[in-house]
Amino acid sequence: MIQIIPFHKDLQNQIVDLILHIQQIEFQIPITAEDQPDLFIVDEFYRKNGGQFWLAIYEGKVVGSIALIRIGNNAGVIRKMFVQKEFRGKEFRTAQLLFDTLEDYCTASGIRNVYLGTMDKLGAAIRFYEKNGFEIISKEALPEDFPLMPVDNVFCRLKIRKFQS
């Protein structure tokens, strides 16, 4: 059974290892831990302004993550959504559990729109986002305070269901 919990410092090494393995080994993205200092300052980077960072735990091990950066105008940005290969898909529903947790948090926190950037080579991730109501938007349609990542070339927006009119 997958359990979703807020980030805890004791699990930091596990989450860094998981993310780097997926980025470097699985998708051959040339990125290092040093390129991602946010992984080492979760409280300051994600939680400081009302965001959050969640972990998916299976039998005491980190198997997934998702993070939310809160930006202006009741908006948020998804970052660090990763799921270990063996825990993807319908059997464990790890990605869906992580996303549902984030969406519930947004609803409770008054976040009306969620944005994200990803790479076109991550087709399964894009399909997952679209299945969950995200629409692909142009880079120019992003909010001014969206924290751009140089590798991202696909951008999406989700209007949180509770706030849709």
N, C-alpha and C. Protein backbone atom coordinates (compact mmCIF):
# COMPACT_ATOMS: atom_id res chain seq x y z
N MET A 1 0.84 -1.19 0.00
CA MET A 1 0.00 0.00 0.00
C MET A 1 0.88 1.25 0.00
N ILE A 2 0.61 2.15 -0.90
CA ILE A 2 1.35 3.40 -1.00
C ILE A 2 0.80 4.39 0.02
N GLN A 3 1.71 5.06 0.70
CA GLN A 3 1.33 6.10 1.66
C GLN A 3 1.94 7.42 1.17
N ILE A 4 1.16 8.50 1.18
CA ILE A 4 1.64 9.82 0.79
C ILE A 4 1.86 10.63 2.06
N ILE A 5 3.09 11.14 2.22
CA ILE A 5 3.43 11.91 3.42
C ILE A 5 4.17 13.18 3.01
N PRO A 6 4.12 14.21 3.86
CA PRO A 6 4.96 15.39 3.58
C PRO A 6 6.43 15.01 3.68
N PHE A 7 7.25 15.73 2.93
CA PHE A 7 8.70 15.52 2.95
C PHE A 7 9.21 15.54 4.38
N HIS A 8 10.15 14.65 4.66
CA HIS A 8 10.83 14.62 5.95
C HIS A 8 12.32 14.51 5.70
N LYS A 9 13.08 15.33 6.38
CA LYS A 9 14.54 15.42 6.18
C LYS A 9 15.24 14.06 6.25
N ASP A 10 14.74 13.15 7.08
CA ASP A 10 15.35 11.82 7.19
C ASP A 10 15.32 11.04 5.88
N LEU A 11 14.42 11.43 4.98
CA LEU A 11 14.26 10.71 3.71
C LEU A 11 14.92 11.44 2.54
N GLN A 12 15.65 12.50 2.83
CA GLN A 12 16.24 13.33 1.78
C GLN A 12 17.16 12.55 0.85
N ASN A 13 18.04 11.73 1.38
CA ASN A 13 18.95 10.97 0.52
C ASN A 13 18.19 10.03 -0.41
N GLN A 14 17.13 9.42 0.10
CA GLN A 14 16.33 8.51 -0.74
C GLN A 14 15.68 9.27 -1.90
N ILE A 15 15.14 10.46 -1.63
CA ILE A 15 14.45 11.18 -2.69
C ILE A 15 15.46 11.70 -3.73
N VAL A 16 16.62 12.15 -3.28
CA VAL A 16 17.65 12.60 -4.22
C VAL A 16 18.08 11.43 -5.10
N ASP A 17 18.32 10.27 -4.50
CA ASP A 17 18.72 9.09 -5.28
C ASP A 17 17.65 8.70 -6.29
N LEU A 18 16.38 8.70 -5.88
CA LEU A 18 15.28 8.35 -6.77
C LEU A 18 15.23 9.30 -7.97
N ILE A 19 15.25 10.59 -7.68
CA ILE A 19 15.13 11.59 -8.75
C ILE A 19 16.31 11.52 -9.70
N LEU A 20 17.52 11.43 -9.17
CA LEU A 20 18.69 11.36 -10.05
C LEU A 20 18.69 10.09 -10.90
N HIS A 21 18.26 8.98 -10.34
CA HIS A 21 18.20 7.74 -11.12
C HIS A 21 17.23 7.90 -12.30
N ILE A 22 16.06 8.44 -12.04
CA ILE A 22 15.07 8.62 -13.11
C ILE A 22 15.60 9.59 -14.16
N GLN A 23 16.15 10.72 -13.71
CA GLN A 23 16.64 11.72 -14.66
C GLN A 23 17.83 11.20 -15.47
N GLN A 24 18.84 10.72 -14.79
CA GLN A 24 20.10 10.38 -15.44
C GLN A 24 20.08 9.03 -16.14
N ILE A 25 19.60 8.00 -15.47
CA ILE A 25 19.66 6.64 -16.00
C ILE A 25 18.48 6.36 -16.94
N GLU A 26 17.29 6.63 -16.45
CA GLU A 26 16.11 6.26 -17.23
C GLU A 26 15.89 7.17 -18.44
N PHE A 27 16.08 8.49 -18.25
CA PHE A 27 15.77 9.42 -19.34
C PHE A 27 16.99 10.14 -19.90
N GLN A 28 18.18 9.78 -19.45
CA GLN A 28 19.44 10.35 -19.96
C GLN A 28 19.42 11.89 -19.99
N ILE A 29 18.88 12.48 -18.96
CA ILE A 29 18.89 13.94 -18.84
C ILE A 29 20.18 14.32 -18.13
N PRO A 30 21.00 15.15 -18.75
CA PRO A 30 22.30 15.49 -18.15
C PRO A 30 22.15 16.52 -17.03
N ILE A 31 21.75 16.05 -15.86
CA ILE A 31 21.52 16.93 -14.72
C ILE A 31 22.10 16.25 -13.48
N THR A 32 22.62 17.05 -12.58
CA THR A 32 23.23 16.52 -11.36
C THR A 32 22.47 17.02 -10.14
N ALA A 33 22.83 16.48 -8.99
CA ALA A 33 22.26 16.96 -7.73
C ALA A 33 22.61 18.43 -7.52
N GLU A 34 23.82 18.81 -7.90
CA GLU A 34 24.26 20.20 -7.74
C GLU A 34 23.43 21.16 -8.59
N ASP A 35 22.89 20.66 -9.69
CA ASP A 35 22.03 21.49 -10.55
C ASP A 35 20.64 21.70 -9.95
N GLN A 36 20.35 21.00 -8.86
CA GLN A 36 19.02 21.03 -8.25
C GLN A 36 19.13 21.33 -6.74
N PRO A 37 19.61 22.51 -6.39
CA PRO A 37 19.81 22.82 -4.97
C PRO A 37 18.51 22.81 -4.16
N ASP A 38 17.37 22.95 -4.85
CA ASP A 38 16.08 22.92 -4.15
C ASP A 38 15.87 21.61 -3.40
N LEU A 39 16.49 20.52 -3.86
CA LEU A 39 16.34 19.23 -3.20
C LEU A 39 16.97 19.21 -1.81
N PHE A 40 17.82 20.16 -1.53
CA PHE A 40 18.52 20.21 -0.25
C PHE A 40 18.01 21.31 0.68
N ILE A 41 17.07 22.11 0.17
CA ILE A 41 16.49 23.19 0.99
C ILE A 41 14.97 23.20 0.80
N VAL A 42 14.36 22.07 1.03
CA VAL A 42 12.92 21.91 0.77
C VAL A 42 12.09 22.92 1.55
N ASP A 43 12.38 23.10 2.83
CA ASP A 43 11.58 24.05 3.62
C ASP A 43 11.66 25.46 3.05
N GLU A 44 12.87 25.90 2.74
CA GLU A 44 13.06 27.26 2.24
C GLU A 44 12.52 27.43 0.82
N PHE A 45 12.69 26.41 -0.01
CA PHE A 45 12.32 26.54 -1.42
C PHE A 45 10.84 26.28 -1.67
N TYR A 46 10.30 25.23 -1.08
CA TYR A 46 8.92 24.83 -1.37
C TYR A 46 7.92 25.30 -0.33
N ARG A 47 8.21 25.13 0.93
CA ARG A 47 7.24 25.38 1.99
C ARG A 47 7.16 26.84 2.43
N LYS A 48 8.20 27.60 2.19
CA LYS A 48 8.30 28.97 2.71
C LYS A 48 7.07 29.82 2.38
N ASN A 49 6.61 29.78 1.17
CA ASN A 49 5.49 30.64 0.76
C ASN A 49 4.16 29.90 0.65
N GLY A 50 4.06 28.75 1.31
CA GLY A 50 2.79 28.03 1.30
C GLY A 50 2.73 26.88 0.32
N GLY A 51 3.87 26.46 -0.20
CA GLY A 51 3.92 25.27 -1.04
C GLY A 51 4.14 24.04 -0.17
N GLN A 52 4.43 22.93 -0.82
CA GLN A 52 4.62 21.68 -0.07
C GLN A 52 5.39 20.70 -0.96
N PHE A 53 5.91 19.66 -0.34
CA PHE A 53 6.65 18.60 -1.03
C PHE A 53 6.20 17.29 -0.39
N TRP A 54 5.66 16.38 -1.23
CA TRP A 54 5.15 15.11 -0.71
C TRP A 54 5.97 13.95 -1.25
N LEU A 55 5.98 12.88 -0.47
CA LEU A 55 6.66 11.65 -0.85
C LEU A 55 5.68 10.50 -0.88
N ALA A 56 5.88 9.59 -1.83
CA ALA A 56 5.14 8.33 -1.86
C ALA A 56 6.04 7.28 -1.22
N ILE A 57 5.51 6.60 -0.22
CA ILE A 57 6.29 5.63 0.55
C ILE A 57 5.67 4.24 0.37
N TYR A 58 6.51 3.25 0.11
CA TYR A 58 6.08 1.87 0.04
C TYR A 58 7.05 1.04 0.88
N GLU A 59 6.51 0.39 1.89
CA GLU A 59 7.32 -0.43 2.80
C GLU A 59 8.56 0.32 3.30
N GLY A 60 8.35 1.58 3.69
CA GLY A 60 9.42 2.38 4.27
C GLY A 60 10.37 3.02 3.29
N LYS A 61 10.18 2.80 1.99
CA LYS A 61 11.08 3.34 0.97
C LYS A 61 10.37 4.41 0.13
N VAL A 62 11.11 5.44 -0.25
CA VAL A 62 10.56 6.48 -1.12
C VAL A 62 10.47 5.94 -2.54
N VAL A 63 9.26 5.97 -3.12
CA VAL A 63 9.05 5.49 -4.48
C VAL A 63 8.49 6.58 -5.40
N GLY A 64 8.26 7.77 -4.85
CA GLY A 64 7.74 8.85 -5.67
C GLY A 64 7.74 10.17 -4.93
N SER A 65 7.54 11.24 -5.72
CA SER A 65 7.50 12.58 -5.14
C SER A 65 6.69 13.51 -6.02
N ILE A 66 6.24 14.59 -5.39
CA ILE A 66 5.62 15.71 -6.11
C ILE A 66 5.77 16.93 -5.20
N ALA A 67 6.01 18.08 -5.82
CA ALA A 67 6.18 19.30 -5.04
C ALA A 67 5.36 20.42 -5.65
N LEU A 68 5.03 21.39 -4.80
CA LEU A 68 4.25 22.55 -5.22
C LEU A 68 4.96 23.80 -4.75
N ILE A 69 5.23 24.70 -5.69
CA ILE A 69 5.73 26.04 -5.36
C ILE A 69 4.54 26.97 -5.46
N ARG A 70 4.29 27.73 -4.42
CA ARG A 70 3.21 28.71 -4.48
C ARG A 70 3.76 30.01 -5.05
N ILE A 71 3.10 30.53 -6.09
CA ILE A 71 3.49 31.80 -6.69
C ILE A 71 2.31 32.76 -6.52
N GLY A 72 2.41 33.95 -7.07
CA GLY A 72 1.38 34.96 -6.90
C GLY A 72 0.06 34.63 -7.57
N ASN A 73 -0.93 35.44 -7.30
CA ASN A 73 -2.26 35.35 -7.93
C ASN A 73 -2.93 34.00 -7.73
N ASN A 74 -2.85 33.45 -6.53
CA ASN A 74 -3.49 32.17 -6.20
C ASN A 74 -3.11 31.06 -7.17
N ALA A 75 -1.84 31.01 -7.51
CA ALA A 75 -1.35 30.01 -8.45
C ALA A 75 -0.22 29.20 -7.82
N GLY A 76 0.00 28.03 -8.39
CA GLY A 76 1.08 27.17 -7.95
C GLY A 76 1.75 26.52 -9.15
N VAL A 77 2.94 25.97 -8.89
CA VAL A 77 3.73 25.31 -9.92
C VAL A 77 4.11 23.93 -9.42
N ILE A 78 3.84 22.91 -10.22
CA ILE A 78 4.25 21.55 -9.88
C ILE A 78 5.71 21.37 -10.28
N ARG A 79 6.45 20.78 -9.36
CA ARG A 79 7.83 20.41 -9.62
C ARG A 79 8.08 19.03 -9.03
N LYS A 80 9.14 18.41 -9.47
CA LYS A 80 9.68 17.19 -8.88
C LYS A 80 8.66 16.05 -8.81
N MET A 81 7.86 15.88 -9.87
CA MET A 81 6.96 14.73 -9.91
C MET A 81 7.71 13.57 -10.55
N PHE A 82 8.05 12.61 -9.70
CA PHE A 82 8.80 11.43 -10.13
C PHE A 82 8.22 10.20 -9.46
N VAL A 83 8.14 9.12 -10.21
CA VAL A 83 7.69 7.84 -9.65
C VAL A 83 8.62 6.75 -10.15
N GLN A 84 9.11 5.95 -9.22
CA GLN A 84 9.96 4.81 -9.56
C GLN A 84 9.23 3.92 -10.55
N LYS A 85 9.94 3.45 -11.56
CA LYS A 85 9.35 2.71 -12.67
C LYS A 85 8.41 1.59 -12.22
N GLU A 86 8.83 0.82 -11.23
CA GLU A 86 8.03 -0.33 -10.77
C GLU A 86 6.72 0.08 -10.10
N PHE A 87 6.57 1.36 -9.79
CA PHE A 87 5.37 1.82 -9.09
C PHE A 87 4.50 2.71 -9.96
N ARG A 88 4.76 2.73 -11.26
CA ARG A 88 3.93 3.48 -12.19
C ARG A 88 2.77 2.60 -12.65
N GLY A 89 1.72 3.23 -13.10
CA GLY A 89 0.61 2.49 -13.68
C GLY A 89 -0.52 2.23 -12.71
N LYS A 90 -1.45 1.38 -13.16
CA LYS A 90 -2.73 1.19 -12.46
C LYS A 90 -2.62 0.36 -11.20
N GLU A 91 -1.63 -0.51 -11.11
CA GLU A 91 -1.55 -1.38 -9.94
C GLU A 91 -1.35 -0.58 -8.65
N PHE A 92 -0.39 0.33 -8.65
CA PHE A 92 -0.11 1.11 -7.45
C PHE A 92 -0.74 2.50 -7.47
N ARG A 93 -0.98 3.05 -8.67
CA ARG A 93 -1.58 4.39 -8.82
C ARG A 93 -0.79 5.48 -8.10
N THR A 94 0.51 5.31 -8.01
CA THR A 94 1.35 6.23 -7.23
C THR A 94 1.25 7.66 -7.74
N ALA A 95 1.39 7.85 -9.05
CA ALA A 95 1.32 9.21 -9.60
C ALA A 95 -0.04 9.84 -9.30
N GLN A 96 -1.10 9.06 -9.43
CA GLN A 96 -2.44 9.61 -9.19
C GLN A 96 -2.62 9.98 -7.71
N LEU A 97 -2.12 9.14 -6.82
CA LEU A 97 -2.20 9.44 -5.39
C LEU A 97 -1.43 10.72 -5.05
N LEU A 98 -0.24 10.85 -5.62
CA LEU A 98 0.54 12.07 -5.39
C LEU A 98 -0.19 13.29 -5.94
N PHE A 99 -0.69 13.19 -7.17
CA PHE A 99 -1.38 14.33 -7.78
C PHE A 99 -2.66 14.68 -7.01
N ASP A 100 -3.42 13.68 -6.61
CA ASP A 100 -4.65 13.95 -5.86
C ASP A 100 -4.35 14.67 -4.55
N THR A 101 -3.25 14.30 -3.90
CA THR A 101 -2.84 14.97 -2.67
C THR A 101 -2.54 16.44 -2.94
N LEU A 102 -1.79 16.70 -4.01
CA LEU A 102 -1.47 18.07 -4.38
C LEU A 102 -2.74 18.86 -4.71
N GLU A 103 -3.64 18.26 -5.47
CA GLU A 103 -4.86 18.96 -5.85
C GLU A 103 -5.73 19.27 -4.64
N ASP A 104 -5.84 18.34 -3.70
CA ASP A 104 -6.59 18.59 -2.47
C ASP A 104 -5.97 19.74 -1.68
N TYR A 105 -4.65 19.77 -1.63
CA TYR A 105 -3.94 20.84 -0.92
C TYR A 105 -4.23 22.19 -1.59
N CYS A 106 -4.21 22.21 -2.92
CA CYS A 106 -4.50 23.44 -3.66
C CYS A 106 -5.91 23.93 -3.34
N THR A 107 -6.87 23.03 -3.36
CA THR A 107 -8.25 23.40 -3.06
C THR A 107 -8.35 24.00 -1.66
N ALA A 108 -7.74 23.34 -0.68
CA ALA A 108 -7.80 23.81 0.70
C ALA A 108 -7.04 25.11 0.90
N SER A 109 -6.05 25.38 0.05
CA SER A 109 -5.19 26.55 0.21
C SER A 109 -5.58 27.72 -0.68
N GLY A 110 -6.66 27.58 -1.45
CA GLY A 110 -7.11 28.67 -2.31
C GLY A 110 -6.29 28.85 -3.58
N ILE A 111 -5.55 27.83 -3.97
CA ILE A 111 -4.80 27.90 -5.22
C ILE A 111 -5.74 27.53 -6.36
N ARG A 112 -5.94 28.45 -7.28
CA ARG A 112 -6.93 28.28 -8.34
C ARG A 112 -6.36 27.69 -9.63
N ASN A 113 -5.11 27.98 -9.91
CA ASN A 113 -4.47 27.50 -11.14
C ASN A 113 -3.12 26.89 -10.80
N VAL A 114 -2.82 25.77 -11.46
CA VAL A 114 -1.54 25.10 -11.28
C VAL A 114 -0.89 25.00 -12.65
N TYR A 115 0.40 25.32 -12.69
CA TYR A 115 1.18 25.30 -13.92
C TYR A 115 2.31 24.30 -13.78
N LEU A 116 2.83 23.87 -14.91
CA LEU A 116 4.01 23.02 -14.90
C LEU A 116 4.72 23.13 -16.22
N GLY A 117 6.01 22.81 -16.15
CA GLY A 117 6.82 22.70 -17.35
C GLY A 117 7.39 21.30 -17.39
N THR A 118 7.49 20.74 -18.57
CA THR A 118 8.05 19.41 -18.74
C THR A 118 8.76 19.35 -20.09
N MET A 119 9.20 18.18 -20.45
CA MET A 119 9.92 18.00 -21.71
C MET A 119 9.08 17.15 -22.66
N ASP A 120 9.12 17.48 -23.93
CA ASP A 120 8.32 16.74 -24.91
C ASP A 120 8.70 15.26 -24.97
N LYS A 121 9.91 14.89 -24.57
CA LYS A 121 10.30 13.48 -24.59
C LYS A 121 9.63 12.67 -23.48
N LEU A 122 8.95 13.33 -22.55
CA LEU A 122 8.27 12.64 -21.45
C LEU A 122 6.78 12.49 -21.79
N GLY A 123 6.52 11.77 -22.87
CA GLY A 123 5.15 11.63 -23.39
C GLY A 123 4.17 11.03 -22.40
N ALA A 124 4.59 10.02 -21.64
CA ALA A 124 3.67 9.40 -20.67
C ALA A 124 3.27 10.40 -19.60
N ALA A 125 4.22 11.23 -19.18
CA ALA A 125 3.90 12.24 -18.17
C ALA A 125 2.91 13.26 -18.73
N ILE A 126 3.11 13.67 -19.96
CA ILE A 126 2.20 14.64 -20.58
C ILE A 126 0.80 14.04 -20.69
N ARG A 127 0.71 12.78 -21.09
CA ARG A 127 -0.61 12.12 -21.17
C ARG A 127 -1.26 12.06 -19.79
N PHE A 128 -0.48 11.78 -18.75
CA PHE A 128 -1.00 11.75 -17.39
C PHE A 128 -1.58 13.12 -17.02
N TYR A 129 -0.84 14.17 -17.30
CA TYR A 129 -1.32 15.52 -16.97
C TYR A 129 -2.61 15.84 -17.73
N GLU A 130 -2.63 15.53 -19.02
CA GLU A 130 -3.84 15.80 -19.81
C GLU A 130 -5.03 15.01 -19.28
N LYS A 131 -4.81 13.77 -18.90
CA LYS A 131 -5.89 12.94 -18.34
C LYS A 131 -6.45 13.57 -17.06
N ASN A 132 -5.61 14.31 -16.36
CA ASN A 132 -6.02 14.95 -15.12
C ASN A 132 -6.49 16.39 -15.31
N GLY A 133 -6.77 16.78 -16.55
CA GLY A 133 -7.39 18.07 -16.79
C GLY A 133 -6.47 19.21 -17.18
N PHE A 134 -5.17 18.94 -17.29
CA PHE A 134 -4.25 19.99 -17.72
C PHE A 134 -4.43 20.26 -19.20
N GLU A 135 -4.24 21.51 -19.59
CA GLU A 135 -4.22 21.87 -21.00
C GLU A 135 -2.83 22.40 -21.33
N ILE A 136 -2.36 22.06 -22.51
CA ILE A 136 -1.07 22.56 -22.96
C ILE A 136 -1.24 24.03 -23.35
N ILE A 137 -0.31 24.85 -22.87
CA ILE A 137 -0.35 26.28 -23.16
C ILE A 137 1.01 26.71 -23.72
N SER A 138 1.05 27.89 -24.27
CA SER A 138 2.31 28.42 -24.78
C SER A 138 3.15 28.94 -23.62
N LYS A 139 4.42 29.02 -23.85
CA LYS A 139 5.33 29.58 -22.84
C LYS A 139 4.92 31.01 -22.50
N GLU A 140 4.43 31.74 -23.48
CA GLU A 140 4.01 33.13 -23.28
C GLU A 140 2.78 33.25 -22.39
N ALA A 141 2.01 32.17 -22.25
CA ALA A 141 0.80 32.20 -21.43
C ALA A 141 1.10 31.91 -19.95
N LEU A 142 2.35 31.62 -19.63
CA LEU A 142 2.72 31.37 -18.23
C LEU A 142 2.67 32.66 -17.43
N PRO A 143 2.40 32.56 -16.13
CA PRO A 143 2.46 33.76 -15.30
C PRO A 143 3.88 34.32 -15.27
N GLU A 144 4.00 35.63 -15.03
CA GLU A 144 5.30 36.28 -14.99
C GLU A 144 6.24 35.65 -13.98
N ASP A 145 5.70 35.20 -12.85
CA ASP A 145 6.55 34.67 -11.78
C ASP A 145 6.73 33.15 -11.85
N PHE A 146 6.42 32.55 -13.00
CA PHE A 146 6.66 31.12 -13.19
C PHE A 146 8.17 30.88 -13.23
N PRO A 147 8.66 29.96 -12.39
CA PRO A 147 10.10 29.69 -12.38
C PRO A 147 10.50 28.75 -13.52
N LEU A 148 10.99 29.32 -14.59
CA LEU A 148 11.35 28.54 -15.78
C LEU A 148 12.56 27.66 -15.54
N MET A 149 12.50 26.46 -16.11
CA MET A 149 13.64 25.54 -16.11
C MET A 149 14.12 25.47 -17.57
N PRO A 150 15.42 25.56 -17.79
CA PRO A 150 15.94 25.61 -19.17
C PRO A 150 15.57 24.40 -20.02
N VAL A 151 15.41 23.21 -19.41
CA VAL A 151 15.14 22.01 -20.20
C VAL A 151 13.67 21.87 -20.62
N ASP A 152 12.78 22.62 -19.99
CA ASP A 152 11.35 22.48 -20.27
C ASP A 152 10.97 23.11 -21.60
N ASN A 153 10.15 22.37 -22.37
CA ASN A 153 9.68 22.91 -23.65
C ASN A 153 8.19 22.64 -23.88
N VAL A 154 7.51 22.08 -22.87
CA VAL A 154 6.07 21.88 -22.90
C VAL A 154 5.53 22.47 -21.60
N PHE A 155 4.48 23.28 -21.70
CA PHE A 155 3.93 23.95 -20.53
C PHE A 155 2.44 23.68 -20.44
N CYS A 156 1.96 23.52 -19.21
CA CYS A 156 0.56 23.15 -19.00
C CYS A 156 -0.05 23.97 -17.87
N ARG A 157 -1.38 24.07 -17.91
CA ARG A 157 -2.13 24.75 -16.85
C ARG A 157 -3.34 23.90 -16.48
N LEU A 158 -3.63 23.88 -15.21
CA LEU A 158 -4.83 23.22 -14.69
C LEU A 158 -5.60 24.23 -13.88
N LYS A 159 -6.89 24.37 -14.20
CA LYS A 159 -7.78 25.16 -13.35
C LYS A 159 -8.34 24.19 -12.31
N ILE A 160 -8.07 24.47 -11.04
CA ILE A 160 -8.53 23.59 -9.97
C ILE A 160 -10.06 23.49 -10.02
N ARG A 161 -10.56 22.26 -10.01
CA ARG A 161 -11.98 22.00 -10.26
C ARG A 161 -12.92 22.80 -9.37
N LYS A 162 -12.60 22.92 -8.10
CA LYS A 162 -13.49 23.63 -7.17
C LYS A 162 -13.70 25.08 -7.61
N PHE A 163 -12.69 25.66 -8.27
CA PHE A 163 -12.74 27.06 -8.63
C PHE A 163 -13.19 27.31 -10.06
N GLN A 164 -13.48 26.25 -10.81
CA GLN A 164 -13.94 26.44 -12.19
C GLN A 164 -15.38 26.97 -12.15
N SER A 165 -15.64 27.85 -13.10
CA SER A 165 -17.02 28.39 -13.14
C SER A 165 -17.70 28.02 -14.43
